[in-house]
Amino acid sequence: MPRSVNHVASRNRRKKVLKLTRGYYGARKNVWTVAKNTWEKGLTYAYRDRKNKKRNFRSLWIQRINAAARENGTTYSRLMGALHKNGIDINRKVLADLAMNHPEAFKAIVDKVK
C-alpha cells in the first residue's frame, strides 16, 4: 500500500509560516527551515518583550516624574514618600502624564505634599 503524506496539509502549514515571515531578510523569508526557526524565535522575543515593555514604561514614567519634581524643588523619592505619607493614591502613569502635559497641576500636587 502506498504511503499517504497529505501534501495539501503540509504545504498549507508551510505556506502559513512563509506568509508570516514575509519581509524578513535573505533566506529567512523563503527557505522553509530557516523561516520556521526565525518565526519561532520571533515568538519567544515577542513573549519576552511584552514583559519588558511594562518595565520600560515604568522606567520612563519615573524619569519624567523625577525631572518635573526637580524643577519644583524636590526629588522623585521624596515626592513619592510624601505622597504615600499623605495618603494620596496616584499612580506613576498619571503623575508622569501630569508632569508632561499639565505642569501646573503637577506643581499643585507637589505643593500639597510639601
PDB file of N, CA and C in Angstrom:
ATOM      1  N   MET A   1       0.848  -1.187   0.000  1.00  0.00           N
ATOM      2  CA  MET A   1       0.000   0.000   0.000  1.00  0.00           C
ATOM      3  C   MET A   1       0.894   1.250   0.000  1.00  0.00           C
ATOM      4  N   PRO A   2       0.564   2.204  -0.845  1.00  0.00           N
ATOM      5  CA  PRO A   2       1.408   3.403  -0.917  1.00  0.00           C
ATOM      6  C   PRO A   2       1.288   4.249   0.355  1.00  0.00           C
ATOM      7  N   ARG A   3       2.362   4.969   0.592  1.00  0.00           N
ATOM      8  CA  ARG A   3       2.415   5.817   1.786  1.00  0.00           C
ATOM      9  C   ARG A   3       1.583   7.081   1.553  1.00  0.00           C
ATOM     10  N   SER A   4       0.803   7.468   2.537  1.00  0.00           N
ATOM     11  CA  SER A   4      -0.014   8.681   2.438  1.00  0.00           C
ATOM     12  C   SER A   4       0.712   9.824   3.149  1.00  0.00           C
ATOM     13  N   VAL A   5       0.943  10.930   2.455  1.00  0.00           N
ATOM     14  CA  VAL A   5       1.713  12.024   3.043  1.00  0.00           C
ATOM     15  C   VAL A   5       0.916  13.310   3.203  1.00  0.00           C
ATOM     16  N   ASN A   6      -0.263  13.393   2.599  1.00  0.00           N
ATOM     17  CA  ASN A   6      -1.141  14.566   2.712  1.00  0.00           C
ATOM     18  C   ASN A   6      -0.397  15.852   2.369  1.00  0.00           C
ATOM     19  N   HIS A   7      -0.026  15.979   1.121  1.00  0.00           N
ATOM     20  CA  HIS A   7       0.718  17.150   0.670  1.00  0.00           C
ATOM     21  C   HIS A   7      -0.058  18.449   0.866  1.00  0.00           C
ATOM     22  N   VAL A   8      -1.370  18.382   0.774  1.00  0.00           N
ATOM     23  CA  VAL A   8      -2.169  19.599   0.881  1.00  0.00           C
ATOM     24  C   VAL A   8      -1.985  20.229   2.256  1.00  0.00           C
ATOM     25  N   ALA A   9      -2.081  19.425   3.309  1.00  0.00           N
ATOM     26  CA  ALA A   9      -1.987  19.961   4.669  1.00  0.00           C
ATOM     27  C   ALA A   9      -0.575  20.446   4.974  1.00  0.00           C
ATOM     28  N   SER A  10       0.446  19.667   4.582  1.00  0.00           N
ATOM     29  CA  SER A  10       1.811  20.074   4.892  1.00  0.00           C
ATOM     30  C   SER A  10       2.202  21.324   4.113  1.00  0.00           C
ATOM     31  N   ARG A  11       1.751  21.418   2.851  1.00  0.00           N
ATOM     32  CA  ARG A  11       2.033  22.619   2.064  1.00  0.00           C
ATOM     33  C   ARG A  11       1.353  23.841   2.686  1.00  0.00           C
ATOM     34  N   ASN A  12       0.118  23.687   3.127  1.00  0.00           N
ATOM     35  CA  ASN A  12      -0.590  24.803   3.757  1.00  0.00           C
ATOM     36  C   ASN A  12       0.079  25.242   5.049  1.00  0.00           C
ATOM     37  N   ARG A  13       0.585  24.252   5.791  1.00  0.00           N
ATOM     38  CA  ARG A  13       1.288  24.573   7.035  1.00  0.00           C
ATOM     39  C   ARG A  13       2.533  25.402   6.729  1.00  0.00           C
ATOM     40  N   ARG A  14       3.283  24.995   5.704  1.00  0.00           N
ATOM     41  CA  ARG A  14       4.487  25.723   5.327  1.00  0.00           C
ATOM     42  C   ARG A  14       4.149  27.113   4.796  1.00  0.00           C
ATOM     43  N   LYS A  15       3.111  27.190   3.963  1.00  0.00           N
ATOM     44  CA  LYS A  15       2.736  28.478   3.387  1.00  0.00           C
ATOM     45  C   LYS A  15       2.311  29.467   4.475  1.00  0.00           C
ATOM     46  N   LYS A  16       1.682  28.951   5.522  1.00  0.00           N
ATOM     47  CA  LYS A  16       1.241  29.819   6.613  1.00  0.00           C
ATOM     48  C   LYS A  16       2.450  30.481   7.291  1.00  0.00           C
ATOM     49  N   VAL A  17       3.490  29.674   7.554  1.00  0.00           N
ATOM     50  CA  VAL A  17       4.691  30.220   8.198  1.00  0.00           C
ATOM     51  C   VAL A  17       5.426  31.150   7.245  1.00  0.00           C
ATOM     52  N   LEU A  18       5.537  30.764   5.967  1.00  0.00           N
ATOM     53  CA  LEU A  18       6.239  31.609   4.997  1.00  0.00           C
ATOM     54  C   LEU A  18       5.513  32.936   4.795  1.00  0.00           C
ATOM     55  N   LYS A  19       4.190  32.924   4.913  1.00  0.00           N
ATOM     56  CA  LYS A  19       3.444  34.172   4.815  1.00  0.00           C
ATOM     57  C   LYS A  19       3.758  35.071   6.008  1.00  0.00           C
ATOM     58  N   LEU A  20       3.929  34.467   7.185  1.00  0.00           N
ATOM     59  CA  LEU A  20       4.241  35.248   8.386  1.00  0.00           C
ATOM     60  C   LEU A  20       5.656  35.814   8.363  1.00  0.00           C
ATOM     61  N   THR A  21       6.559  35.190   7.593  1.00  0.00           N
ATOM     62  CA  THR A  21       7.948  35.663   7.563  1.00  0.00           C
ATOM     63  C   THR A  21       8.222  36.576   6.366  1.00  0.00           C
ATOM     64  N   ARG A  22       7.196  37.002   5.671  1.00  0.00           N
ATOM     65  CA  ARG A  22       7.380  37.949   4.568  1.00  0.00           C
ATOM     66  C   ARG A  22       8.014  39.224   5.102  1.00  0.00           C
ATOM     67  N   GLY A  23       8.967  39.761   4.369  1.00  0.00           N
ATOM     68  CA  GLY A  23       9.618  40.985   4.798  1.00  0.00           C
ATOM     69  C   GLY A  23      10.897  40.746   5.574  1.00  0.00           C
ATOM     70  N   TYR A  24      11.181  39.494   5.943  1.00  0.00           N
ATOM     71  CA  TYR A  24      12.430  39.193   6.624  1.00  0.00           C
ATOM     72  C   TYR A  24      13.568  39.246   5.611  1.00  0.00           C
ATOM     73  N   TYR A  25      14.804  39.295   6.098  1.00  0.00           N
ATOM     74  CA  TYR A  25      15.980  39.467   5.246  1.00  0.00           C
ATOM     75  C   TYR A  25      16.496  38.119   4.746  1.00  0.00           C
ATOM     76  N   GLY A  26      16.836  38.054   3.464  1.00  0.00           N
ATOM     77  CA  GLY A  26      17.526  36.898   2.894  1.00  0.00           C
ATOM     78  C   GLY A  26      16.711  35.627   2.938  1.00  0.00           C
ATOM     79  N   ALA A  27      17.375  34.537   3.300  1.00  0.00           N
ATOM     80  CA  ALA A  27      16.731  33.224   3.293  1.00  0.00           C
ATOM     81  C   ALA A  27      15.692  33.092   4.388  1.00  0.00           C
ATOM     82  N   ARG A  28      15.666  34.023   5.321  1.00  0.00           N
ATOM     83  CA  ARG A  28      14.703  33.945   6.420  1.00  0.00           C
ATOM     84  C   ARG A  28      13.270  34.069   5.930  1.00  0.00           C
ATOM     85  N   LYS A  29      13.083  34.556   4.708  1.00  0.00           N
ATOM     86  CA  LYS A  29      11.728  34.729   4.209  1.00  0.00           C
ATOM     87  C   LYS A  29      11.248  33.606   3.297  1.00  0.00           C
ATOM     88  N   ASN A  30      12.172  32.823   2.695  1.00  0.00           N
ATOM     89  CA  ASN A  30      11.688  31.876   1.694  1.00  0.00           C
ATOM     90  C   ASN A  30      12.243  30.458   1.819  1.00  0.00           C
ATOM     91  N   VAL A  31      13.194  30.227   2.702  1.00  0.00           N
ATOM     92  CA  VAL A  31      13.696  28.859   2.903  1.00  0.00           C
ATOM     93  C   VAL A  31      12.983  28.305   4.129  1.00  0.00           C
ATOM     94  N   TRP A  32      12.289  27.181   3.951  1.00  0.00           N
ATOM     95  CA  TRP A  32      11.379  26.678   4.970  1.00  0.00           C
ATOM     96  C   TRP A  32      12.029  26.517   6.343  1.00  0.00           C
ATOM     97  N   THR A  33      13.167  25.817   6.424  1.00  0.00           N
ATOM     98  CA  THR A  33      13.745  25.543   7.746  1.00  0.00           C
ATOM     99  C   THR A  33      14.235  26.818   8.408  1.00  0.00           C
ATOM    100  N   VAL A  34      14.837  27.712   7.636  1.00  0.00           N
ATOM    101  CA  VAL A  34      15.344  28.965   8.201  1.00  0.00           C
ATOM    102  C   VAL A  34      14.172  29.843   8.635  1.00  0.00           C
ATOM    103  N   ALA A  35      13.146  29.900   7.782  1.00  0.00           N
ATOM    104  CA  ALA A  35      11.979  30.735   8.089  1.00  0.00           C
ATOM    105  C   ALA A  35      11.271  30.223   9.335  1.00  0.00           C
ATOM    106  N   LYS A  36      11.154  28.908   9.466  1.00  0.00           N
ATOM    107  CA  LYS A  36      10.462  28.337  10.626  1.00  0.00           C
ATOM    108  C   LYS A  36      11.217  28.648  11.905  1.00  0.00           C
ATOM    109  N   ASN A  37      12.547  28.498  11.871  1.00  0.00           N
ATOM    110  CA  ASN A  37      13.352  28.800  13.058  1.00  0.00           C
ATOM    111  C   ASN A  37      13.260  30.274  13.426  1.00  0.00           C
ATOM    112  N   THR A  38      13.319  31.141  12.425  1.00  0.00           N
ATOM    113  CA  THR A  38      13.249  32.578  12.670  1.00  0.00           C
ATOM    114  C   THR A  38      11.901  32.959  13.259  1.00  0.00           C
ATOM    115  N   TRP A  39      10.833  32.374  12.717  1.00  0.00           N
ATOM    116  CA  TRP A  39       9.479  32.674  13.189  1.00  0.00           C
ATOM    117  C   TRP A  39       9.296  32.215  14.629  1.00  0.00           C
ATOM    118  N   GLU A  40       9.780  31.009  14.952  1.00  0.00           N
ATOM    119  CA  GLU A  40       9.658  30.506  16.331  1.00  0.00           C
ATOM    120  C   GLU A  40      10.457  31.368  17.296  1.00  0.00           C
ATOM    121  N   LYS A  41      11.659  31.779  16.893  1.00  0.00           N
ATOM    122  CA  LYS A  41      12.481  32.652  17.738  1.00  0.00           C
ATOM    123  C   LYS A  41      11.784  33.995  17.940  1.00  0.00           C
ATOM    124  N   GLY A  42      11.129  34.474  16.891  1.00  0.00           N
ATOM    125  CA  GLY A  42      10.392  35.727  16.994  1.00  0.00           C
ATOM    126  C   GLY A  42       9.263  35.651  18.005  1.00  0.00           C
ATOM    127  N   LEU A  43       8.624  34.494  18.094  1.00  0.00           N
ATOM    128  CA  LEU A  43       7.552  34.327  19.084  1.00  0.00           C
ATOM    129  C   LEU A  43       8.097  34.408  20.501  1.00  0.00           C
ATOM    130  N   THR A  44       9.296  33.853  20.727  1.00  0.00           N
ATOM    131  CA  THR A  44       9.875  33.937  22.072  1.00  0.00           C
ATOM    132  C   THR A  44      10.268  35.370  22.401  1.00  0.00           C
ATOM    133  N   TYR A  45      10.780  36.108  21.393  1.00  0.00           N
ATOM    134  CA  TYR A  45      11.102  37.516  21.617  1.00  0.00           C
ATOM    135  C   TYR A  45       9.846  38.307  21.944  1.00  0.00           C
ATOM    136  N   ALA A  46       8.756  38.006  21.232  1.00  0.00           N
ATOM    137  CA  ALA A  46       7.508  38.734  21.450  1.00  0.00           C
ATOM    138  C   ALA A  46       7.002  38.505  22.871  1.00  0.00           C
ATOM    139  N   TYR A  47       7.073  37.259  23.350  1.00  0.00           N
ATOM    140  CA  TYR A  47       6.629  36.947  24.712  1.00  0.00           C
ATOM    141  C   TYR A  47       7.484  37.692  25.726  1.00  0.00           C
ATOM    142  N   ARG A  48       8.808  37.640  25.537  1.00  0.00           N
ATOM    143  CA  ARG A  48       9.729  38.297  26.463  1.00  0.00           C
ATOM    144  C   ARG A  48       9.501  39.808  26.483  1.00  0.00           C
ATOM    145  N   ASP A  49       9.341  40.382  25.298  1.00  0.00           N
ATOM    146  CA  ASP A  49       9.281  41.832  25.221  1.00  0.00           C
ATOM    147  C   ASP A  49       7.931  42.401  25.631  1.00  0.00           C
ATOM    148  N   ARG A  50       6.890  41.568  25.668  1.00  0.00           N
ATOM    149  CA  ARG A  50       5.640  42.050  26.263  1.00  0.00           C
ATOM    150  C   ARG A  50       5.835  42.318  27.742  1.00  0.00           C
ATOM    151  N   LYS A  51       6.710  41.543  28.384  1.00  0.00           N
ATOM    152  CA  LYS A  51       7.031  41.781  29.799  1.00  0.00           C
ATOM    153  C   LYS A  51       7.964  42.991  29.943  1.00  0.00           C
ATOM    154  N   ASN A  52       8.970  43.079  29.062  1.00  0.00           N
ATOM    155  CA  ASN A  52       9.939  44.179  29.143  1.00  0.00           C
ATOM    156  C   ASN A  52       9.303  45.532  28.865  1.00  0.00           C
ATOM    157  N   LYS A  53       8.258  45.543  28.041  1.00  0.00           N
ATOM    158  CA  LYS A  53       7.585  46.788  27.709  1.00  0.00           C
ATOM    159  C   LYS A  53       7.046  47.455  28.975  1.00  0.00           C
ATOM    160  N   LYS A  54       6.510  46.659  29.880  1.00  0.00           N
ATOM    161  CA  LYS A  54       5.974  47.193  31.137  1.00  0.00           C
ATOM    162  C   LYS A  54       7.087  47.819  31.970  1.00  0.00           C
ATOM    163  N   ARG A  55       8.252  47.151  32.006  1.00  0.00           N
ATOM    164  CA  ARG A  55       9.406  47.689  32.733  1.00  0.00           C
ATOM    165  C   ARG A  55       9.864  49.008  32.127  1.00  0.00           C
ATOM    166  N   ASN A  56       9.940  49.034  30.794  1.00  0.00           N
ATOM    167  CA  ASN A  56      10.433  50.228  30.111  1.00  0.00           C
ATOM    168  C   ASN A  56       9.531  51.424  30.353  1.00  0.00           C
ATOM    169  N   PHE A  57       8.221  51.194  30.312  1.00  0.00           N
ATOM    170  CA  PHE A  57       7.303  52.305  30.533  1.00  0.00           C
ATOM    171  C   PHE A  57       7.370  52.798  31.964  1.00  0.00           C
ATOM    172  N   ARG A  58       7.465  51.895  32.938  1.00  0.00           N
ATOM    173  CA  ARG A  58       7.579  52.317  34.328  1.00  0.00           C
ATOM    174  C   ARG A  58       8.839  53.162  34.522  1.00  0.00           C
ATOM    175  N   SER A  59       9.942  52.736  33.914  1.00  0.00           N
ATOM    176  CA  SER A  59      11.193  53.475  33.999  1.00  0.00           C
ATOM    177  C   SER A  59      11.051  54.869  33.373  1.00  0.00           C
ATOM    178  N   LEU A  60      10.374  54.950  32.235  1.00  0.00           N
ATOM    179  CA  LEU A  60      10.156  56.232  31.573  1.00  0.00           C
ATOM    180  C   LEU A  60       9.318  57.163  32.443  1.00  0.00           C
ATOM    181  N   TRP A  61       8.249  56.619  33.058  1.00  0.00           N
ATOM    182  CA  TRP A  61       7.404  57.433  33.936  1.00  0.00           C
ATOM    183  C   TRP A  61       8.208  57.979  35.106  1.00  0.00           C
ATOM    184  N   ILE A  62       9.045  57.139  35.693  1.00  0.00           N
ATOM    185  CA  ILE A  62       9.845  57.571  36.844  1.00  0.00           C
ATOM    186  C   ILE A  62      10.799  58.690  36.432  1.00  0.00           C
ATOM    187  N   GLN A  63      11.425  58.572  35.267  1.00  0.00           N
ATOM    188  CA  GLN A  63      12.334  59.616  34.797  1.00  0.00           C
ATOM    189  C   GLN A  63      11.596  60.935  34.589  1.00  0.00           C
ATOM    190  N   ARG A  64      10.396  60.872  34.032  1.00  0.00           N
ATOM    191  CA  ARG A  64       9.623  62.088  33.788  1.00  0.00           C
ATOM    192  C   ARG A  64       9.184  62.736  35.098  1.00  0.00           C
ATOM    193  N   ILE A  65       8.741  61.910  36.052  1.00  0.00           N
ATOM    194  CA  ILE A  65       8.328  62.440  37.354  1.00  0.00           C
ATOM    195  C   ILE A  65       9.519  63.070  38.059  1.00  0.00           C
ATOM    196  N   ASN A  66      10.659  62.415  38.005  1.00  0.00           N
ATOM    197  CA  ASN A  66      11.858  62.925  38.669  1.00  0.00           C
ATOM    198  C   ASN A  66      12.276  64.272  38.074  1.00  0.00           C
ATOM    199  N   ALA A  67      12.240  64.379  36.753  1.00  0.00           N
ATOM    200  CA  ALA A  67      12.624  65.638  36.107  1.00  0.00           C
ATOM    201  C   ALA A  67      11.688  66.767  36.525  1.00  0.00           C
ATOM    202  N   ALA A  68      10.385  66.483  36.533  1.00  0.00           N
ATOM    203  CA  ALA A  68       9.419  67.515  36.914  1.00  0.00           C
ATOM    204  C   ALA A  68       9.519  67.833  38.399  1.00  0.00           C
ATOM    205  N   ALA A  69       9.785  66.831  39.221  1.00  0.00           N
ATOM    206  CA  ALA A  69       9.907  67.052  40.664  1.00  0.00           C
ATOM    207  C   ALA A  69      11.115  67.944  40.955  1.00  0.00           C
ATOM    208  N   ARG A  70      12.214  67.714  40.260  1.00  0.00           N
ATOM    209  CA  ARG A  70      13.417  68.524  40.476  1.00  0.00           C
ATOM    210  C   ARG A  70      13.186  69.972  40.046  1.00  0.00           C
ATOM    211  N   GLU A  71      12.371  70.183  39.031  1.00  0.00           N
ATOM    212  CA  GLU A  71      12.025  71.555  38.639  1.00  0.00           C
ATOM    213  C   GLU A  71      11.220  72.255  39.733  1.00  0.00           C
ATOM    214  N   ASN A  72      10.529  71.456  40.545  1.00  0.00           N
ATOM    215  CA  ASN A  72       9.707  72.009  41.621  1.00  0.00           C
ATOM    216  C   ASN A  72      10.394  71.909  42.978  1.00  0.00           C
ATOM    217  N   GLY A  73      11.681  71.664  43.005  1.00  0.00           N
ATOM    218  CA  GLY A  73      12.453  71.741  44.237  1.00  0.00           C
ATOM    219  C   GLY A  73      12.441  70.514  45.115  1.00  0.00           C
ATOM    220  N   THR A  74      12.162  69.345  44.565  1.00  0.00           N
ATOM    221  CA  THR A  74      12.231  68.108  45.347  1.00  0.00           C
ATOM    222  C   THR A  74      12.791  67.013  44.449  1.00  0.00           C
ATOM    223  N   THR A  75      12.845  65.797  44.965  1.00  0.00           N
ATOM    224  CA  THR A  75      13.316  64.671  44.150  1.00  0.00           C
ATOM    225  C   THR A  75      12.200  63.651  44.036  1.00  0.00           C
ATOM    226  N   TYR A  76      12.414  62.690  43.154  1.00  0.00           N
ATOM    227  CA  TYR A  76      11.411  61.653  42.939  1.00  0.00           C
ATOM    228  C   TYR A  76      11.117  60.891  44.227  1.00  0.00           C
ATOM    229  N   SER A  77      12.175  60.456  44.914  1.00  0.00           N
ATOM    230  CA  SER A  77      11.948  59.605  46.089  1.00  0.00           C
ATOM    231  C   SER A  77      11.268  60.377  47.212  1.00  0.00           C
ATOM    232  N   ARG A  78      11.646  61.643  47.405  1.00  0.00           N
ATOM    233  CA  ARG A  78      10.988  62.456  48.432  1.00  0.00           C
ATOM    234  C   ARG A  78       9.528  62.703  48.079  1.00  0.00           C
ATOM    235  N   LEU A  79       9.274  62.960  46.802  1.00  0.00           N
ATOM    236  CA  LEU A  79       7.903  63.199  46.356  1.00  0.00           C
ATOM    237  C   LEU A  79       7.031  61.961  46.573  1.00  0.00           C
ATOM    238  N   MET A  80       7.522  60.798  46.170  1.00  0.00           N
ATOM    239  CA  MET A  80       6.725  59.569  46.311  1.00  0.00           C
ATOM    240  C   MET A  80       6.515  59.235  47.781  1.00  0.00           C
ATOM    241  N   GLY A  81       7.543  59.448  48.599  1.00  0.00           N
ATOM    242  CA  GLY A  81       7.383  59.213  50.031  1.00  0.00           C
ATOM    243  C   GLY A  81       6.340  60.121  50.635  1.00  0.00           C
ATOM    244  N   ALA A  82       6.365  61.402  50.251  1.00  0.00           N
ATOM    245  CA  ALA A  82       5.386  62.362  50.772  1.00  0.00           C
ATOM    246  C   ALA A  82       3.975  62.032  50.292  1.00  0.00           C
ATOM    247  N   LEU A  83       3.853  61.590  49.056  1.00  0.00           N
ATOM    248  CA  LEU A  83       2.531  61.202  48.540  1.00  0.00           C
ATOM    249  C   LEU A  83       1.949  60.059  49.349  1.00  0.00           C
ATOM    250  N   HIS A  84       2.767  59.046  49.625  1.00  0.00           N
ATOM    251  CA  HIS A  84       2.284  57.892  50.379  1.00  0.00           C
ATOM    252  C   HIS A  84       1.970  58.267  51.819  1.00  0.00           C
ATOM    253  N   LYS A  85       2.805  59.150  52.408  1.00  0.00           N
ATOM    254  CA  LYS A  85       2.590  59.553  53.792  1.00  0.00           C
ATOM    255  C   LYS A  85       1.289  60.347  53.936  1.00  0.00           C
ATOM    256  N   ASN A  86       0.957  61.150  52.919  1.00  0.00           N
ATOM    257  CA  ASN A  86      -0.266  61.945  52.956  1.00  0.00           C
ATOM    258  C   ASN A  86      -1.489  61.194  52.440  1.00  0.00           C
ATOM    259  N   GLY A  87      -1.304  59.947  52.057  1.00  0.00           N
ATOM    260  CA  GLY A  87      -2.438  59.129  51.620  1.00  0.00           C
ATOM    261  C   GLY A  87      -2.979  59.494  50.246  1.00  0.00           C
ATOM    262  N   ILE A  88      -2.148  60.066  49.408  1.00  0.00           N
ATOM    263  CA  ILE A  88      -2.575  60.418  48.045  1.00  0.00           C
ATOM    264  C   ILE A  88      -2.218  59.240  47.137  1.00  0.00           C
ATOM    265  N   ASP A  89      -3.237  58.527  46.690  1.00  0.00           N
ATOM    266  CA  ASP A  89      -3.016  57.358  45.832  1.00  0.00           C
ATOM    267  C   ASP A  89      -3.149  57.775  44.371  1.00  0.00           C
ATOM    268  N   ILE A  90      -2.035  58.088  43.765  1.00  0.00           N
ATOM    269  CA  ILE A  90      -1.999  58.442  42.341  1.00  0.00           C
ATOM    270  C   ILE A  90      -0.836  57.682  41.724  1.00  0.00           C
ATOM    271  N   ASN A  91      -1.120  56.978  40.646  1.00  0.00           N
ATOM    272  CA  ASN A  91      -0.077  56.101  40.099  1.00  0.00           C
ATOM    273  C   ASN A  91       0.919  56.860  39.245  1.00  0.00           C
ATOM    274  N   ARG A  92       2.015  56.193  38.919  1.00  0.00           N
ATOM    275  CA  ARG A  92       3.122  56.826  38.216  1.00  0.00           C
ATOM    276  C   ARG A  92       2.744  57.228  36.793  1.00  0.00           C
ATOM    277  N   LYS A  93       1.873  56.447  36.168  1.00  0.00           N
ATOM    278  CA  LYS A  93       1.465  56.762  34.805  1.00  0.00           C
ATOM    279  C   LYS A  93       0.747  58.114  34.767  1.00  0.00           C
ATOM    280  N   VAL A  94      -0.169  58.321  35.693  1.00  0.00           N
ATOM    281  CA  VAL A  94      -0.922  59.575  35.733  1.00  0.00           C
ATOM    282  C   VAL A  94      -0.012  60.726  36.143  1.00  0.00           C
ATOM    283  N   LEU A  95       0.857  60.486  37.131  1.00  0.00           N
ATOM    284  CA  LEU A  95       1.795  61.537  37.555  1.00  0.00           C
ATOM    285  C   LEU A  95       2.695  61.978  36.397  1.00  0.00           C
ATOM    286  N   ALA A  96       3.192  61.010  35.636  1.00  0.00           N
ATOM    287  CA  ALA A  96       4.062  61.334  34.505  1.00  0.00           C
ATOM    288  C   ALA A  96       3.298  62.125  33.450  1.00  0.00           C
ATOM    289  N   ASP A  97       2.035  61.762  33.224  1.00  0.00           N
ATOM    290  CA  ASP A  97       1.226  62.489  32.257  1.00  0.00           C
ATOM    291  C   ASP A  97       0.998  63.925  32.723  1.00  0.00           C
ATOM    292  N   LEU A  98       0.716  64.096  34.010  1.00  0.00           N
ATOM    293  CA  LEU A  98       0.545  65.445  34.552  1.00  0.00           C
ATOM    294  C   LEU A  98       1.839  66.243  34.419  1.00  0.00           C
ATOM    295  N   ALA A  99       2.968  65.597  34.711  1.00  0.00           N
ATOM    296  CA  ALA A  99       4.256  66.281  34.645  1.00  0.00           C
ATOM    297  C   ALA A  99       4.549  66.761  33.228  1.00  0.00           C
ATOM    298  N   MET A 100       4.183  65.970  32.231  1.00  0.00           N
ATOM    299  CA  MET A 100       4.469  66.326  30.840  1.00  0.00           C
ATOM    300  C   MET A 100       3.467  67.333  30.277  1.00  0.00           C
ATOM    301  N   ASN A 101       2.181  67.069  30.488  1.00  0.00           N
ATOM    302  CA  ASN A 101       1.143  67.816  29.778  1.00  0.00           C
ATOM    303  C   ASN A 101       0.456  68.898  30.606  1.00  0.00           C
ATOM    304  N   HIS A 102       0.492  68.777  31.938  1.00  0.00           N
ATOM    305  CA  HIS A 102      -0.170  69.744  32.812  1.00  0.00           C
ATOM    306  C   HIS A 102       0.751  70.102  33.974  1.00  0.00           C
ATOM    307  N   PRO A 103       1.822  70.857  33.706  1.00  0.00           N
ATOM    308  CA  PRO A 103       2.799  71.136  34.761  1.00  0.00           C
ATOM    309  C   PRO A 103       2.219  71.904  35.940  1.00  0.00           C
ATOM    310  N   GLU A 104       1.188  72.734  35.703  1.00  0.00           N
ATOM    311  CA  GLU A 104       0.595  73.474  36.816  1.00  0.00           C
ATOM    312  C   GLU A 104      -0.148  72.541  37.774  1.00  0.00           C
ATOM    313  N   ALA A 105      -0.797  71.508  37.242  1.00  0.00           N
ATOM    314  CA  ALA A 105      -1.471  70.524  38.098  1.00  0.00           C
ATOM    315  C   ALA A 105      -0.429  69.722  38.885  1.00  0.00           C
ATOM    316  N   PHE A 106       0.678  69.378  38.237  1.00  0.00           N
ATOM    317  CA  PHE A 106       1.740  68.638  38.912  1.00  0.00           C
ATOM    318  C   PHE A 106       2.330  69.488  40.027  1.00  0.00           C
ATOM    319  N   LYS A 107       2.508  70.784  39.749  1.00  0.00           N
ATOM    320  CA  LYS A 107       3.058  71.700  40.766  1.00  0.00           C
ATOM    321  C   LYS A 107       2.109  71.799  41.950  1.00  0.00           C
ATOM    322  N   ALA A 108       0.807  71.797  41.697  1.00  0.00           N
ATOM    323  CA  ALA A 108      -0.186  71.844  42.768  1.00  0.00           C
ATOM    324  C   ALA A 108      -0.076  70.602  43.667  1.00  0.00           C
ATOM    325  N   ILE A 109       0.143  69.435  43.052  1.00  0.00           N
ATOM    326  CA  ILE A 109       0.316  68.206  43.826  1.00  0.00           C
ATOM    327  C   ILE A 109       1.584  68.283  44.682  1.00  0.00           C
ATOM    328  N   VAL A 110       2.670  68.761  44.085  1.00  0.00           N
ATOM    329  CA  VAL A 110       3.935  68.877  44.821  1.00  0.00           C
ATOM    330  C   VAL A 110       3.775  69.845  46.003  1.00  0.00           C
ATOM    331  N   ASP A 111       3.104  70.979  45.759  1.00  0.00           N
ATOM    332  CA  ASP A 111       2.922  71.960  46.837  1.00  0.00           C
ATOM    333  C   ASP A 111       2.046  71.412  47.953  1.00  0.00           C
ATOM    334  N   LYS A 112       1.068  70.569  47.592  1.00  0.00           N
ATOM    335  CA  LYS A 112       0.165  69.995  48.602  1.00  0.00           C
ATOM    336  C   LYS A 112       0.909  69.052  49.542  1.00  0.00           C
ATOM    337  N   VAL A 113       1.875  68.308  49.028  1.00  0.00           N
ATOM    338  CA  VAL A 113       2.556  67.322  49.867  1.00  0.00           C
ATOM    339  C   VAL A 113       3.808  67.873  50.539  1.00  0.00           C
ATOM    340  N   LYS A 114       4.256  69.073  50.171  1.00  0.00           N
ATOM    341  CA  LYS A 114       5.470  69.641  50.787  1.00  0.00           C
ATOM    342  C   LYS A 114       5.217  69.997  52.232  1.00  0.00           C
TER     343      LYS A 114
END
